[in-house]
Amino acid sequence: MLGTRLDANLEKELTEYARKLGQTKSAVVKAALREYLCNKRSSREHDRLTLKGWHQIENGEGLSPEDVYAYLDTWGPDEPV
């Protein structure tokens, strides 16, 4: 069980939003917290993969510029269609 104090403005906004959705304030807060935690998890994973990529580049494990350009050339013509 968690109890959280909200300032008057946030409490009012939450009450109005929950009423518009036809949900309880508790349900709105739970959904918001789930979304927040999911976004944080995704952000940490993105950061982890970015750092992994930088380490690979620093260790010479990345692609050469020639390989990158060769791959990009498979995308289609240079001129807009």
C-alpha atoms as a PDB file:
ATOM      1  CA  MET A   1       0.000   0.000   0.000  1.00  0.00           C
ATOM      2  CA  LEU A   2       1.287   3.445  -0.872  1.00  0.00           C
ATOM      3  CA  GLY A   3       0.001   6.779   0.293  1.00  0.00           C
ATOM      4  CA  THR A   4       1.102   9.915  -1.522  1.00  0.00           C
ATOM      5  CA  ARG A   5       0.300  13.520  -0.731  1.00  0.00           C
ATOM      6  CA  LEU A   6      -0.430  15.726  -3.727  1.00  0.00           C
ATOM      7  CA  ASP A   7      -0.414  19.484  -3.822  1.00  0.00           C
ATOM      8  CA  ALA A   8      -3.823  21.120  -4.262  1.00  0.00           C
ATOM      9  CA  ASN A   9      -3.381  21.864  -7.978  1.00  0.00           C
ATOM     10  CA  LEU A  10      -2.263  18.343  -8.845  1.00  0.00           C
ATOM     11  CA  GLU A  11      -5.078  16.857  -6.766  1.00  0.00           C
ATOM     12  CA  LYS A  12      -7.618  19.021  -8.597  1.00  0.00           C
ATOM     13  CA  GLU A  13      -6.186  18.133 -12.011  1.00  0.00           C
ATOM     14  CA  LEU A  14      -6.170  14.428 -11.149  1.00  0.00           C
ATOM     15  CA  THR A  15      -9.752  14.577  -9.901  1.00  0.00           C
ATOM     16  CA  GLU A  16     -10.963  16.328 -13.059  1.00  0.00           C
ATOM     17  CA  TYR A  17      -9.053  13.962 -15.357  1.00  0.00           C
ATOM     18  CA  ALA A  18     -10.317  10.858 -13.577  1.00  0.00           C
ATOM     19  CA  ARG A  19     -13.884  12.162 -13.738  1.00  0.00           C
ATOM     20  CA  LYS A  20     -13.577  12.824 -17.498  1.00  0.00           C
ATOM     21  CA  LEU A  21     -12.291   9.275 -18.025  1.00  0.00           C
ATOM     22  CA  GLY A  22     -14.898   7.769 -15.762  1.00  0.00           C
ATOM     23  CA  GLN A  23     -12.175   6.139 -13.683  1.00  0.00           C
ATOM     24  CA  THR A  24     -11.046   6.363 -10.102  1.00  0.00           C
ATOM     25  CA  LYS A  25      -8.093   8.558  -9.225  1.00  0.00           C
ATOM     26  CA  SER A  26      -6.304   5.433  -8.059  1.00  0.00           C
ATOM     27  CA  ALA A  27      -6.734   3.783 -11.476  1.00  0.00           C
ATOM     28  CA  VAL A  28      -5.401   6.890 -13.248  1.00  0.00           C
ATOM     29  CA  VAL A  29      -2.372   7.075 -10.950  1.00  0.00           C
ATOM     30  CA  LYS A  30      -1.636   3.348 -11.396  1.00  0.00           C
ATOM     31  CA  ALA A  31      -1.797   3.688 -15.191  1.00  0.00           C
ATOM     32  CA  ALA A  32       0.427   6.768 -15.113  1.00  0.00           C
ATOM     33  CA  LEU A  33       2.966   5.027 -12.887  1.00  0.00           C
ATOM     34  CA  ARG A  34       3.017   1.948 -15.148  1.00  0.00           C
ATOM     35  CA  GLU A  35       3.640   4.140 -18.194  1.00  0.00           C
ATOM     36  CA  TYR A  36       6.337   6.132 -16.379  1.00  0.00           C
ATOM     37  CA  LEU A  37       8.166   2.980 -15.274  1.00  0.00           C
ATOM     38  CA  CYS A  38       7.876   1.453 -18.760  1.00  0.00           C
ATOM     39  CA  ASN A  39       9.339   4.624 -20.298  1.00  0.00           C
ATOM     40  CA  LYS A  40      12.182   4.639 -17.776  1.00  0.00           C
ATOM     41  CA  ARG A  41      12.917   0.974 -18.495  1.00  0.00           C
ATOM     42  CA  SER A  42      12.950   1.687 -22.246  1.00  0.00           C
ATOM     43  CA  SER A  43      15.204   4.687 -21.741  1.00  0.00           C
ATOM     44  CA  ARG A  44      17.688   2.674 -19.672  1.00  0.00           C
ATOM     45  CA  GLU A  45      17.718  -0.068 -22.333  1.00  0.00           C
ATOM     46  CA  HIS A  46      18.311   2.513 -25.064  1.00  0.00           C
ATOM     47  CA  ASP A  47      21.193   3.992 -23.047  1.00  0.00           C
ATOM     48  CA  ARG A  48      22.643   0.517 -22.482  1.00  0.00           C
ATOM     49  CA  LEU A  49      22.545  -0.298 -26.190  1.00  0.00           C
ATOM     50  CA  THR A  50      24.050   3.086 -27.075  1.00  0.00           C
ATOM     51  CA  LEU A  51      26.965   2.554 -24.689  1.00  0.00           C
ATOM     52  CA  LYS A  52      27.431  -0.968 -26.024  1.00  0.00           C
ATOM     53  CA  GLY A  53      27.618   0.457 -29.545  1.00  0.00           C
ATOM     54  CA  TRP A  54      30.181   3.079 -28.523  1.00  0.00           C
ATOM     55  CA  HIS A  55      32.327   0.400 -26.881  1.00  0.00           C
ATOM     56  CA  GLN A  56      32.139  -1.697 -30.037  1.00  0.00           C
ATOM     57  CA  ILE A  57      33.229   1.286 -32.133  1.00  0.00           C
ATOM     58  CA  GLU A  58      36.100   2.046 -29.723  1.00  0.00           C
ATOM     59  CA  ASN A  59      37.220  -1.579 -29.971  1.00  0.00           C
ATOM     60  CA  GLY A  60      37.141  -1.566 -33.758  1.00  0.00           C
ATOM     61  CA  GLU A  61      34.103  -3.824 -33.915  1.00  0.00           C
ATOM     62  CA  GLY A  62      31.956  -1.400 -35.901  1.00  0.00           C
ATOM     63  CA  LEU A  63      31.362  -1.275 -39.620  1.00  0.00           C
ATOM     64  CA  SER A  64      33.742   0.525 -41.916  1.00  0.00           C
ATOM     65  CA  PRO A  65      32.459   3.625 -43.712  1.00  0.00           C
ATOM     66  CA  GLU A  66      32.662   1.654 -46.952  1.00  0.00           C
ATOM     67  CA  ASP A  67      30.347  -1.031 -45.544  1.00  0.00           C
ATOM     68  CA  VAL A  68      27.889   1.605 -44.376  1.00  0.00           C
ATOM     69  CA  TYR A  69      27.827   3.318 -47.768  1.00  0.00           C
ATOM     70  CA  ALA A  70      27.467  -0.007 -49.555  1.00  0.00           C
ATOM     71  CA  TYR A  71      24.460  -0.801 -47.363  1.00  0.00           C
ATOM     72  CA  LEU A  72      22.925   2.628 -47.928  1.00  0.00           C
ATOM     73  CA  ASP A  73      23.321   2.157 -51.670  1.00  0.00           C
ATOM     74  CA  THR A  74      20.877  -0.755 -51.430  1.00  0.00           C
ATOM     75  CA  TRP A  75      18.124   1.639 -50.280  1.00  0.00           C
ATOM     76  CA  GLY A  76      17.315   2.896 -53.751  1.00  0.00           C
ATOM     77  CA  PRO A  77      18.117   5.724 -56.177  1.00  0.00           C
ATOM     78  CA  ASP A  78      19.800   8.952 -55.081  1.00  0.00           C
ATOM     79  CA  GLU A  79      17.171  11.065 -56.823  1.00  0.00           C
ATOM     80  CA  PRO A  80      13.705  11.526 -55.280  1.00  0.00           C
ATOM     81  CA  VAL A  81      10.981   9.581 -57.020  1.00  0.00           C
END
